[in-house]
Amino acid sequence: MSRAATSARPPGRPRSGVNAVVFAATLSTIQELGYARATVDRIAAKAGVAKTTIYRRWPSKGVLIVDCLLDALGPVPLEGAGRAELMSSVIYWIAAKIGEPGVGDAFAGVFSDAVSDPALREVLSARFQDPYRLALQDALGEPEHRVLLFIDVVVGTLLHRMGMTGEPMAEADVDALAEMVVPHFAGAKDGRGEE
């Protein structure tokens, strides 16, 4: 076999494998050190890759975190026989995801960074929020402003609890959140009890 035939693949890890390793290292580093101390240098060291490997794929820590969160969350589950069941399933899904190791901290940290970083806000809006918003708009037949409010109320409450206690919201409190939020959004399209 010729040398050219044996070295068709470039040296190093396969590209798809690098993303998985970096995402796992990102969440692990955030869980161990907290969002602020989880620098790209530390994430690269934990992943066993060069810092340049990370910067070739993600131009900043914030963009890395957005892609890491998209990978950790996956698609929104659109399950349920009706609007109320679908909205409840979304609430329980995001509460569970925020409770996974490193995910809630990463979520809260990147949102905090975006307050003073317009470019990161744009990435969060276009690459992170919009796909979930559009899926919910389509599934619920709701206008953008109502879906955004639903997202704000649910995610904001869950992240606030994590920020105040350092822990994800307890199951009983997620039940109470769903009981408060779902009737408002699922019962009527205009929010006043009228279809």
N, C-alpha and C. Protein backbone atom coordinates (compact mmCIF):
# COMPACT_ATOMS: atom_id res chain seq x y z
N MET A 1 0.86 -1.19 0.00
CA MET A 1 0.00 0.00 0.00
C MET A 1 0.89 1.24 0.00
N SER A 2 0.56 2.21 -0.81
CA SER A 2 1.40 3.41 -0.90
C SER A 2 1.21 4.30 0.32
N ARG A 3 2.19 5.13 0.58
CA ARG A 3 2.14 6.06 1.71
C ARG A 3 0.96 7.01 1.57
N ALA A 4 0.65 7.46 0.34
CA ALA A 4 -0.48 8.38 0.13
C ALA A 4 -1.80 7.73 0.50
N ALA A 5 -1.94 6.43 0.23
CA ALA A 5 -3.19 5.74 0.55
C ALA A 5 -3.36 5.56 2.05
N THR A 6 -2.28 5.41 2.78
CA THR A 6 -2.40 5.20 4.22
C THR A 6 -2.58 6.50 5.00
N SER A 7 -2.30 7.63 4.40
CA SER A 7 -2.41 8.89 5.15
C SER A 7 -3.45 9.82 4.54
N ALA A 8 -4.56 9.23 4.05
CA ALA A 8 -5.61 10.06 3.45
C ALA A 8 -6.29 10.95 4.49
N ARG A 9 -6.39 10.46 5.73
CA ARG A 9 -7.01 11.25 6.78
C ARG A 9 -5.94 12.09 7.46
N PRO A 10 -6.22 13.37 7.73
CA PRO A 10 -5.22 14.18 8.42
C PRO A 10 -4.98 13.66 9.83
N PRO A 11 -3.80 13.91 10.38
CA PRO A 11 -3.51 13.44 11.72
C PRO A 11 -4.42 14.12 12.75
N GLY A 12 -4.51 13.53 13.92
CA GLY A 12 -5.34 14.09 14.98
C GLY A 12 -6.69 13.42 15.05
N ARG A 13 -7.53 13.96 15.93
CA ARG A 13 -8.88 13.38 16.12
C ARG A 13 -9.77 13.71 14.93
N PRO A 14 -10.74 12.84 14.67
CA PRO A 14 -11.73 13.19 13.65
C PRO A 14 -12.46 14.47 14.07
N ARG A 15 -12.82 15.29 13.09
CA ARG A 15 -13.43 16.58 13.40
C ARG A 15 -14.67 16.47 14.29
N SER A 16 -15.57 15.53 13.98
CA SER A 16 -16.78 15.42 14.77
C SER A 16 -16.46 15.03 16.20
N GLY A 17 -15.39 14.23 16.40
CA GLY A 17 -14.99 13.84 17.73
C GLY A 17 -14.46 14.99 18.56
N VAL A 18 -13.82 15.93 17.91
CA VAL A 18 -13.27 17.08 18.63
C VAL A 18 -14.40 17.89 19.26
N ASN A 19 -15.47 18.13 18.53
CA ASN A 19 -16.58 18.89 19.09
C ASN A 19 -17.12 18.22 20.35
N ALA A 20 -17.34 16.92 20.29
CA ALA A 20 -17.89 16.20 21.45
C ALA A 20 -16.94 16.28 22.64
N VAL A 21 -15.64 16.14 22.40
CA VAL A 21 -14.66 16.20 23.48
C VAL A 21 -14.63 17.61 24.08
N VAL A 22 -14.65 18.63 23.23
CA VAL A 22 -14.60 20.01 23.72
C VAL A 22 -15.88 20.35 24.47
N PHE A 23 -17.04 19.92 23.98
CA PHE A 23 -18.29 20.21 24.68
C PHE A 23 -18.31 19.54 26.06
N ALA A 24 -17.88 18.30 26.14
CA ALA A 24 -17.83 17.60 27.43
C ALA A 24 -16.87 18.30 28.38
N ALA A 25 -15.71 18.71 27.87
CA ALA A 25 -14.73 19.41 28.70
C ALA A 25 -15.26 20.77 29.15
N THR A 26 -16.01 21.42 28.28
CA THR A 26 -16.58 22.73 28.62
C THR A 26 -17.54 22.60 29.80
N LEU A 27 -18.49 21.70 29.70
CA LEU A 27 -19.46 21.53 30.79
C LEU A 27 -18.79 21.05 32.07
N SER A 28 -17.83 20.16 31.94
CA SER A 28 -17.12 19.66 33.12
C SER A 28 -16.33 20.78 33.80
N THR A 29 -15.64 21.59 33.01
CA THR A 29 -14.85 22.69 33.56
C THR A 29 -15.76 23.71 34.22
N ILE A 30 -16.88 24.02 33.60
CA ILE A 30 -17.82 24.97 34.19
C ILE A 30 -18.38 24.41 35.49
N GLN A 31 -18.70 23.14 35.51
CA GLN A 31 -19.23 22.53 36.74
C GLN A 31 -18.18 22.58 37.86
N GLU A 32 -16.94 22.31 37.53
CA GLU A 32 -15.88 22.28 38.54
C GLU A 32 -15.46 23.66 39.02
N LEU A 33 -15.34 24.62 38.09
CA LEU A 33 -14.73 25.91 38.42
C LEU A 33 -15.70 27.09 38.41
N GLY A 34 -16.88 26.89 37.84
CA GLY A 34 -17.80 28.01 37.65
C GLY A 34 -17.57 28.62 36.28
N TYR A 35 -18.56 29.33 35.80
CA TYR A 35 -18.52 29.89 34.45
C TYR A 35 -17.34 30.85 34.26
N ALA A 36 -17.16 31.79 35.16
CA ALA A 36 -16.14 32.83 35.00
C ALA A 36 -14.73 32.24 34.95
N ARG A 37 -14.47 31.22 35.75
CA ARG A 37 -13.12 30.64 35.81
C ARG A 37 -12.89 29.57 34.74
N ALA A 38 -13.92 29.21 34.02
CA ALA A 38 -13.79 28.23 32.93
C ALA A 38 -13.31 28.94 31.68
N THR A 39 -12.04 29.23 31.63
CA THR A 39 -11.45 29.93 30.49
C THR A 39 -11.24 28.98 29.32
N VAL A 40 -11.02 29.53 28.16
CA VAL A 40 -10.73 28.71 26.98
C VAL A 40 -9.45 27.90 27.22
N ASP A 41 -8.46 28.49 27.89
CA ASP A 41 -7.22 27.76 28.21
C ASP A 41 -7.53 26.52 29.05
N ARG A 42 -8.35 26.68 30.06
CA ARG A 42 -8.68 25.56 30.95
C ARG A 42 -9.54 24.51 30.23
N ILE A 43 -10.46 24.97 29.41
CA ILE A 43 -11.30 24.04 28.64
C ILE A 43 -10.43 23.23 27.67
N ALA A 44 -9.51 23.91 26.99
CA ALA A 44 -8.61 23.23 26.06
C ALA A 44 -7.76 22.19 26.79
N ALA A 45 -7.23 22.56 27.94
CA ALA A 45 -6.40 21.62 28.71
C ALA A 45 -7.23 20.40 29.12
N LYS A 46 -8.45 20.63 29.59
CA LYS A 46 -9.33 19.53 30.00
C LYS A 46 -9.66 18.63 28.81
N ALA A 47 -9.86 19.24 27.64
CA ALA A 47 -10.20 18.47 26.43
C ALA A 47 -8.99 17.78 25.82
N GLY A 48 -7.79 18.21 26.22
CA GLY A 48 -6.59 17.64 25.63
C GLY A 48 -6.35 18.12 24.21
N VAL A 49 -6.77 19.35 23.93
CA VAL A 49 -6.55 19.94 22.60
C VAL A 49 -5.84 21.28 22.77
N ALA A 50 -5.29 21.76 21.70
CA ALA A 50 -4.66 23.07 21.71
C ALA A 50 -5.73 24.16 21.75
N LYS A 51 -5.40 25.26 22.38
CA LYS A 51 -6.32 26.40 22.42
C LYS A 51 -6.67 26.85 21.00
N THR A 52 -5.71 26.75 20.09
CA THR A 52 -5.97 27.15 18.70
C THR A 52 -7.02 26.26 18.04
N THR A 53 -7.10 25.00 18.47
CA THR A 53 -8.14 24.10 17.95
C THR A 53 -9.52 24.65 18.29
N ILE A 54 -9.66 25.15 19.49
CA ILE A 54 -10.95 25.73 19.91
C ILE A 54 -11.21 27.00 19.13
N TYR A 55 -10.23 27.90 19.06
CA TYR A 55 -10.46 29.18 18.39
C TYR A 55 -10.67 29.05 16.88
N ARG A 56 -10.20 27.95 16.28
CA ARG A 56 -10.49 27.74 14.85
C ARG A 56 -11.97 27.45 14.64
N ARG A 57 -12.61 26.83 15.61
CA ARG A 57 -14.02 26.47 15.50
C ARG A 57 -14.95 27.53 16.10
N TRP A 58 -14.52 28.14 17.19
CA TRP A 58 -15.35 29.11 17.91
C TRP A 58 -14.51 30.35 18.20
N PRO A 59 -14.91 31.51 17.68
CA PRO A 59 -14.08 32.70 17.82
C PRO A 59 -14.03 33.28 19.24
N SER A 60 -14.91 32.80 20.13
CA SER A 60 -14.90 33.31 21.50
C SER A 60 -15.49 32.25 22.43
N LYS A 61 -15.27 32.44 23.71
CA LYS A 61 -15.84 31.55 24.71
C LYS A 61 -17.37 31.56 24.61
N GLY A 62 -17.95 32.73 24.40
CA GLY A 62 -19.40 32.83 24.30
C GLY A 62 -19.98 32.00 23.17
N VAL A 63 -19.36 32.05 22.01
CA VAL A 63 -19.83 31.27 20.86
C VAL A 63 -19.65 29.77 21.13
N LEU A 64 -18.55 29.40 21.78
CA LEU A 64 -18.36 28.01 22.18
C LEU A 64 -19.49 27.56 23.11
N ILE A 65 -19.83 28.40 24.08
CA ILE A 65 -20.87 28.04 25.04
C ILE A 65 -22.22 27.89 24.32
N VAL A 66 -22.52 28.77 23.38
CA VAL A 66 -23.78 28.66 22.64
C VAL A 66 -23.86 27.31 21.93
N ASP A 67 -22.81 26.94 21.22
CA ASP A 67 -22.82 25.65 20.51
C ASP A 67 -22.85 24.48 21.49
N CYS A 68 -22.16 24.61 22.59
CA CYS A 68 -22.17 23.58 23.63
C CYS A 68 -23.59 23.39 24.18
N LEU A 69 -24.29 24.49 24.43
CA LEU A 69 -25.66 24.42 24.93
C LEU A 69 -26.60 23.82 23.89
N LEU A 70 -26.44 24.21 22.64
CA LEU A 70 -27.27 23.62 21.58
C LEU A 70 -27.08 22.11 21.53
N ASP A 71 -25.84 21.68 21.69
CA ASP A 71 -25.55 20.25 21.70
C ASP A 71 -26.16 19.57 22.93
N ALA A 72 -26.03 20.20 24.08
CA ALA A 72 -26.54 19.61 25.33
C ALA A 72 -28.07 19.56 25.36
N LEU A 73 -28.72 20.58 24.84
CA LEU A 73 -30.17 20.63 24.88
C LEU A 73 -30.81 19.80 23.78
N GLY A 74 -30.24 19.83 22.59
CA GLY A 74 -30.86 19.13 21.48
C GLY A 74 -32.16 19.82 21.09
N PRO A 75 -32.95 19.17 20.26
CA PRO A 75 -34.21 19.80 19.82
C PRO A 75 -35.25 19.81 20.94
N VAL A 76 -36.10 20.81 20.90
CA VAL A 76 -37.18 20.89 21.89
C VAL A 76 -38.19 19.78 21.62
N PRO A 77 -38.57 19.04 22.66
CA PRO A 77 -39.55 17.97 22.44
C PRO A 77 -40.95 18.58 22.32
N LEU A 78 -41.57 18.32 21.23
CA LEU A 78 -42.92 18.87 20.99
C LEU A 78 -43.91 17.72 21.18
N GLU A 79 -44.12 17.37 22.44
CA GLU A 79 -44.95 16.23 22.79
C GLU A 79 -46.19 16.69 23.53
N GLY A 80 -47.27 15.97 23.34
CA GLY A 80 -48.49 16.26 24.06
C GLY A 80 -49.68 16.26 23.15
N ALA A 81 -50.83 15.91 23.72
CA ALA A 81 -52.06 15.82 22.94
C ALA A 81 -52.64 17.19 22.60
N GLY A 82 -52.32 18.18 23.38
CA GLY A 82 -52.85 19.52 23.13
C GLY A 82 -51.85 20.57 23.56
N ARG A 83 -52.28 21.84 23.48
CA ARG A 83 -51.40 22.96 23.80
C ARG A 83 -50.87 22.88 25.24
N ALA A 84 -51.74 22.57 26.19
CA ALA A 84 -51.34 22.53 27.60
C ALA A 84 -50.29 21.44 27.83
N GLU A 85 -50.51 20.26 27.28
CA GLU A 85 -49.54 19.17 27.44
C GLU A 85 -48.21 19.51 26.78
N LEU A 86 -48.27 20.09 25.61
CA LEU A 86 -47.05 20.46 24.90
C LEU A 86 -46.26 21.48 25.71
N MET A 87 -46.94 22.51 26.22
CA MET A 87 -46.24 23.53 27.01
C MET A 87 -45.68 22.95 28.30
N SER A 88 -46.43 22.07 28.94
CA SER A 88 -45.94 21.42 30.16
C SER A 88 -44.69 20.60 29.86
N SER A 89 -44.72 19.86 28.76
CA SER A 89 -43.56 19.03 28.42
C SER A 89 -42.33 19.90 28.16
N VAL A 90 -42.52 21.07 27.57
CA VAL A 90 -41.41 21.99 27.33
C VAL A 90 -40.84 22.50 28.65
N ILE A 91 -41.73 22.84 29.59
CA ILE A 91 -41.28 23.35 30.89
C ILE A 91 -40.46 22.28 31.62
N TYR A 92 -40.97 21.06 31.66
CA TYR A 92 -40.25 19.99 32.36
C TYR A 92 -38.94 19.64 31.65
N TRP A 93 -38.94 19.71 30.32
CA TRP A 93 -37.73 19.43 29.56
C TRP A 93 -36.64 20.44 29.87
N ILE A 94 -36.97 21.75 29.81
CA ILE A 94 -35.93 22.75 30.03
C ILE A 94 -35.49 22.77 31.48
N ALA A 95 -36.40 22.50 32.41
CA ALA A 95 -36.00 22.42 33.83
C ALA A 95 -35.01 21.28 34.03
N ALA A 96 -35.26 20.13 33.41
CA ALA A 96 -34.34 18.99 33.52
C ALA A 96 -33.00 19.31 32.89
N LYS A 97 -33.01 19.95 31.72
CA LYS A 97 -31.76 20.28 31.03
C LYS A 97 -30.93 21.26 31.85
N ILE A 98 -31.58 22.29 32.41
CA ILE A 98 -30.86 23.28 33.21
C ILE A 98 -30.26 22.62 34.46
N GLY A 99 -30.87 21.53 34.93
CA GLY A 99 -30.37 20.82 36.09
C GLY A 99 -29.21 19.89 35.80
N GLU A 100 -28.89 19.65 34.53
CA GLU A 100 -27.76 18.78 34.19
C GLU A 100 -26.44 19.45 34.56
N PRO A 101 -25.43 18.66 34.95
CA PRO A 101 -24.15 19.22 35.39
C PRO A 101 -23.54 20.19 34.37
N GLY A 102 -23.29 21.39 34.83
CA GLY A 102 -22.66 22.41 34.01
C GLY A 102 -23.59 23.19 33.10
N VAL A 103 -24.74 22.64 32.75
CA VAL A 103 -25.61 23.28 31.76
C VAL A 103 -26.23 24.57 32.31
N GLY A 104 -26.79 24.51 33.52
CA GLY A 104 -27.39 25.71 34.10
C GLY A 104 -26.38 26.83 34.28
N ASP A 105 -25.19 26.46 34.77
CA ASP A 105 -24.13 27.47 34.95
C ASP A 105 -23.71 28.08 33.61
N ALA A 106 -23.59 27.23 32.59
CA ALA A 106 -23.22 27.72 31.26
C ALA A 106 -24.29 28.64 30.70
N PHE A 107 -25.53 28.23 30.85
CA PHE A 107 -26.69 29.00 30.39
C PHE A 107 -26.69 30.39 31.04
N ALA A 108 -26.62 30.41 32.37
CA ALA A 108 -26.66 31.68 33.11
C ALA A 108 -25.45 32.55 32.77
N GLY A 109 -24.29 31.93 32.67
CA GLY A 109 -23.07 32.69 32.40
C GLY A 109 -23.06 33.36 31.05
N VAL A 110 -23.46 32.62 30.02
CA VAL A 110 -23.44 33.20 28.67
C VAL A 110 -24.50 34.31 28.55
N PHE A 111 -25.63 34.14 29.22
CA PHE A 111 -26.64 35.20 29.20
C PHE A 111 -26.14 36.44 29.93
N SER A 112 -25.44 36.24 31.02
CA SER A 112 -24.87 37.37 31.75
C SER A 112 -23.84 38.10 30.90
N ASP A 113 -22.97 37.36 30.23
CA ASP A 113 -21.97 37.98 29.35
C ASP A 113 -22.64 38.77 28.23
N ALA A 114 -23.76 38.27 27.73
CA ALA A 114 -24.43 38.91 26.60
C ALA A 114 -25.01 40.27 26.95
N VAL A 115 -25.22 40.54 28.22
CA VAL A 115 -25.77 41.84 28.64
C VAL A 115 -24.89 42.97 28.13
N SER A 116 -23.57 42.79 28.18
CA SER A 116 -22.66 43.85 27.75
C SER A 116 -21.91 43.52 26.46
N ASP A 117 -22.38 42.52 25.73
CA ASP A 117 -21.71 42.11 24.50
C ASP A 117 -22.74 41.97 23.37
N PRO A 118 -22.96 43.05 22.58
CA PRO A 118 -23.97 42.99 21.53
C PRO A 118 -23.75 41.88 20.50
N ALA A 119 -22.49 41.57 20.18
CA ALA A 119 -22.22 40.51 19.20
C ALA A 119 -22.66 39.15 19.76
N LEU A 120 -22.41 38.91 21.04
CA LEU A 120 -22.83 37.66 21.66
C LEU A 120 -24.36 37.61 21.76
N ARG A 121 -24.99 38.74 22.05
CA ARG A 121 -26.47 38.78 22.07
C ARG A 121 -27.03 38.37 20.72
N GLU A 122 -26.41 38.82 19.64
CA GLU A 122 -26.87 38.47 18.30
C GLU A 122 -26.72 36.97 18.05
N VAL A 123 -25.60 36.40 18.48
CA VAL A 123 -25.38 34.96 18.34
C VAL A 123 -26.43 34.20 19.15
N LEU A 124 -26.66 34.63 20.38
CA LEU A 124 -27.67 33.97 21.22
C LEU A 124 -29.05 34.03 20.58
N SER A 125 -29.39 35.18 20.05
CA SER A 125 -30.70 35.34 19.44
C SER A 125 -30.84 34.49 18.18
N ALA A 126 -29.89 34.62 17.27
CA ALA A 126 -30.00 33.96 15.97
C ALA A 126 -29.76 32.46 16.02
N ARG A 127 -28.75 32.04 16.77
CA ARG A 127 -28.37 30.62 16.74
C ARG A 127 -28.98 29.80 17.86
N PHE A 128 -29.33 30.46 18.96
CA PHE A 128 -29.83 29.70 20.10
C PHE A 128 -31.33 29.87 20.29
N GLN A 129 -31.77 31.09 20.49
CA GLN A 129 -33.19 31.30 20.79
C GLN A 129 -34.10 31.08 19.58
N ASP A 130 -33.73 31.60 18.43
CA ASP A 130 -34.62 31.53 17.27
C ASP A 130 -35.05 30.11 16.88
N PRO A 131 -34.16 29.12 16.85
CA PRO A 131 -34.64 27.78 16.48
C PRO A 131 -35.70 27.25 17.45
N TYR A 132 -35.53 27.48 18.74
CA TYR A 132 -36.51 27.03 19.72
C TYR A 132 -37.81 27.84 19.59
N ARG A 133 -37.65 29.13 19.42
CA ARG A 133 -38.83 29.99 19.27
C ARG A 133 -39.64 29.59 18.04
N LEU A 134 -38.98 29.39 16.92
CA LEU A 134 -39.68 29.03 15.69
C LEU A 134 -40.38 27.68 15.81
N ALA A 135 -39.72 26.71 16.46
CA ALA A 135 -40.35 25.40 16.66
C ALA A 135 -41.61 25.53 17.51
N LEU A 136 -41.53 26.34 18.56
CA LEU A 136 -42.70 26.53 19.43
C LEU A 136 -43.80 27.33 18.72
N GLN A 137 -43.42 28.35 17.98
CA GLN A 137 -44.42 29.12 17.22
C GLN A 137 -45.18 28.21 16.27
N ASP A 138 -44.46 27.36 15.57
CA ASP A 138 -45.08 26.45 14.61
C ASP A 138 -45.99 25.45 15.32
N ALA A 139 -45.51 24.87 16.41
CA ALA A 139 -46.28 23.85 17.12
C ALA A 139 -47.52 24.42 17.81
N LEU A 140 -47.41 25.65 18.30
CA LEU A 140 -48.50 26.25 19.08
C LEU A 140 -49.39 27.17 18.26
N GLY A 141 -48.92 27.60 17.11
CA GLY A 141 -49.68 28.56 16.32
C GLY A 141 -49.79 29.90 17.01
N GLU A 142 -48.75 30.24 17.76
CA GLU A 142 -48.72 31.50 18.52
C GLU A 142 -47.83 32.52 17.82
N PRO A 143 -48.12 33.81 18.00
CA PRO A 143 -47.24 34.83 17.44
C PRO A 143 -45.92 34.91 18.21
N GLU A 144 -44.94 35.50 17.56
CA GLU A 144 -43.59 35.59 18.12
C GLU A 144 -43.58 36.18 19.52
N HIS A 145 -44.28 37.29 19.74
CA HIS A 145 -44.21 37.96 21.04
C HIS A 145 -44.73 37.08 22.17
N ARG A 146 -45.73 36.25 21.91
CA ARG A 146 -46.27 35.37 22.95
C ARG A 146 -45.29 34.23 23.25
N VAL A 147 -44.67 33.68 22.23
CA VAL A 147 -43.71 32.59 22.45
C VAL A 147 -42.48 33.13 23.19
N LEU A 148 -42.02 34.33 22.81
CA LEU A 148 -40.89 34.92 23.51
C LEU A 148 -41.21 35.17 24.98
N LEU A 149 -42.41 35.61 25.28
CA LEU A 149 -42.80 35.82 26.67
C LEU A 149 -42.83 34.49 27.42
N PHE A 150 -43.37 33.46 26.81
CA PHE A 150 -43.38 32.12 27.42
C PHE A 150 -41.95 31.69 27.74
N ILE A 151 -41.04 31.83 26.78
CA ILE A 151 -39.64 31.46 26.99
C ILE A 151 -39.04 32.30 28.12
N ASP A 152 -39.28 33.61 28.09
CA ASP A 152 -38.73 34.49 29.13
C ASP A 152 -39.20 34.10 30.52
N VAL A 153 -40.50 33.86 30.65
CA VAL A 153 -41.06 33.52 31.96
C VAL A 153 -40.48 32.20 32.48
N VAL A 154 -40.46 31.20 31.64
CA VAL A 154 -40.02 29.87 32.08
C VAL A 154 -38.51 29.85 32.32
N VAL A 155 -37.74 30.19 31.29
CA VAL A 155 -36.28 30.12 31.42
C VAL A 155 -35.78 31.13 32.44
N GLY A 156 -36.34 32.32 32.43
CA GLY A 156 -35.94 33.33 33.40
C GLY A 156 -36.15 32.89 34.83
N THR A 157 -37.28 32.26 35.09
CA THR A 157 -37.58 31.77 36.44
C THR A 157 -36.60 30.67 36.84
N LEU A 158 -36.36 29.72 35.94
CA LEU A 158 -35.46 28.62 36.24
C LEU A 158 -34.03 29.10 36.48
N LEU A 159 -33.56 30.03 35.66
CA LEU A 159 -32.19 30.54 35.83
C LEU A 159 -32.08 31.43 37.07
N HIS A 160 -33.14 32.17 37.37
CA HIS A 160 -33.13 33.00 38.57
C HIS A 160 -32.98 32.12 39.81
N ARG A 161 -33.75 31.04 39.86
CA ARG A 161 -33.65 30.13 41.01
C ARG A 161 -32.24 29.57 41.14
N MET A 162 -31.67 29.17 40.00
CA MET A 162 -30.31 28.62 40.04
C MET A 162 -29.32 29.67 40.52
N GLY A 163 -29.48 30.90 40.04
CA GLY A 163 -28.58 31.97 40.45
C GLY A 163 -28.71 32.31 41.93
N MET A 164 -29.90 32.20 42.46
CA MET A 164 -30.12 32.56 43.86
C MET A 164 -29.75 31.44 44.83
N THR A 165 -29.88 30.19 44.39
CA THR A 165 -29.63 29.07 45.30
C THR A 165 -28.42 28.23 44.93
N GLY A 166 -27.96 28.34 43.68
CA GLY A 166 -26.89 27.49 43.21
C GLY A 166 -27.35 26.10 42.84
N GLU A 167 -28.65 25.88 42.90
CA GLU A 167 -29.23 24.57 42.61
C GLU A 167 -30.35 24.72 41.59
N PRO A 168 -30.59 23.68 40.80
CA PRO A 168 -31.75 23.73 39.90
C PRO A 168 -33.04 23.71 40.72
N MET A 169 -34.11 24.13 40.11
CA MET A 169 -35.39 24.19 40.78
C MET A 169 -35.87 22.78 41.15
N ALA A 170 -36.37 22.64 42.37
CA ALA A 170 -36.89 21.35 42.84
C ALA A 170 -38.13 20.97 42.04
N GLU A 171 -38.38 19.68 41.96
CA GLU A 171 -39.49 19.16 41.16
C GLU A 171 -40.83 19.77 41.56
N ALA A 172 -41.07 19.92 42.86
CA ALA A 172 -42.34 20.50 43.32
C ALA A 172 -42.50 21.93 42.83
N ASP A 173 -41.40 22.66 42.77
CA ASP A 173 -41.46 24.04 42.29
C ASP A 173 -41.64 24.09 40.77
N VAL A 174 -41.07 23.12 40.05
CA VAL A 174 -41.31 23.05 38.61
C VAL A 174 -42.79 22.74 38.36
N ASP A 175 -43.37 21.86 39.18
CA ASP A 175 -44.81 21.59 39.08
C ASP A 175 -45.61 22.88 39.27
N ALA A 176 -45.26 23.64 40.29
CA ALA A 176 -45.97 24.90 40.58
C ALA A 176 -45.79 25.90 39.44
N LEU A 177 -44.59 25.97 38.87
CA LEU A 177 -44.35 26.87 37.74
C LEU A 177 -45.24 26.49 36.57
N ALA A 178 -45.29 25.20 36.26
CA ALA A 178 -46.14 24.74 35.15
C ALA A 178 -47.61 25.06 35.43
N GLU A 179 -48.05 24.85 36.67
CA GLU A 179 -49.44 25.13 37.03
C GLU A 179 -49.79 26.61 36.89
N MET A 180 -48.82 27.49 37.11
CA MET A 180 -49.06 28.93 36.99
C MET A 180 -48.99 29.40 35.53
N VAL A 181 -48.01 28.88 34.79
CA VAL A 181 -47.73 29.40 33.46
C VAL A 181 -48.63 28.81 32.38
N VAL A 182 -48.83 27.51 32.41
CA VAL A 182 -49.54 26.84 31.32
C VAL A 182 -50.96 27.37 31.12
N PRO A 183 -51.77 27.54 32.16
CA PRO A 183 -53.13 28.05 31.90
C PRO A 183 -53.14 29.42 31.20
N HIS A 184 -52.20 30.26 31.54
CA HIS A 184 -52.15 31.59 30.92
C HIS A 184 -51.86 31.50 29.43
N PHE A 185 -50.87 30.68 29.07
CA PHE A 185 -50.45 30.62 27.67
C PHE A 185 -51.24 29.60 26.84
N ALA A 186 -51.66 28.52 27.43
CA ALA A 186 -52.29 27.44 26.66
C ALA A 186 -53.79 27.64 26.48
N GLY A 187 -54.42 28.34 27.41
CA GLY A 187 -55.87 28.43 27.38
C GLY A 187 -56.43 29.35 26.33
N ALA A 188 -55.71 30.40 26.01
CA ALA A 188 -56.23 31.39 25.06
C ALA A 188 -55.10 32.03 24.29
N LYS A 189 -55.35 32.26 23.04
CA LYS A 189 -54.31 32.85 22.19
C LYS A 189 -54.07 34.32 22.47
N ASP A 190 -55.05 35.00 23.01
CA ASP A 190 -54.85 36.43 23.25
C ASP A 190 -54.48 36.74 24.69
N GLY A 191 -54.42 35.70 25.56
CA GLY A 191 -54.01 35.91 26.94
C GLY A 191 -55.10 36.45 27.83
N ARG A 192 -56.34 36.67 27.33
CA ARG A 192 -57.42 37.21 28.15
C ARG A 192 -58.58 36.22 28.28
N GLY A 193 -58.35 34.99 27.86
CA GLY A 193 -59.40 34.01 27.96
C GLY A 193 -60.28 33.94 26.74
N GLU A 194 -59.89 34.62 25.65
CA GLU A 194 -60.69 34.60 24.43
C GLU A 194 -59.88 33.98 23.31
N GLU A 195 -60.51 33.07 22.60
CA GLU A 195 -59.84 32.44 21.44
C GLU A 195 -59.86 33.40 20.26
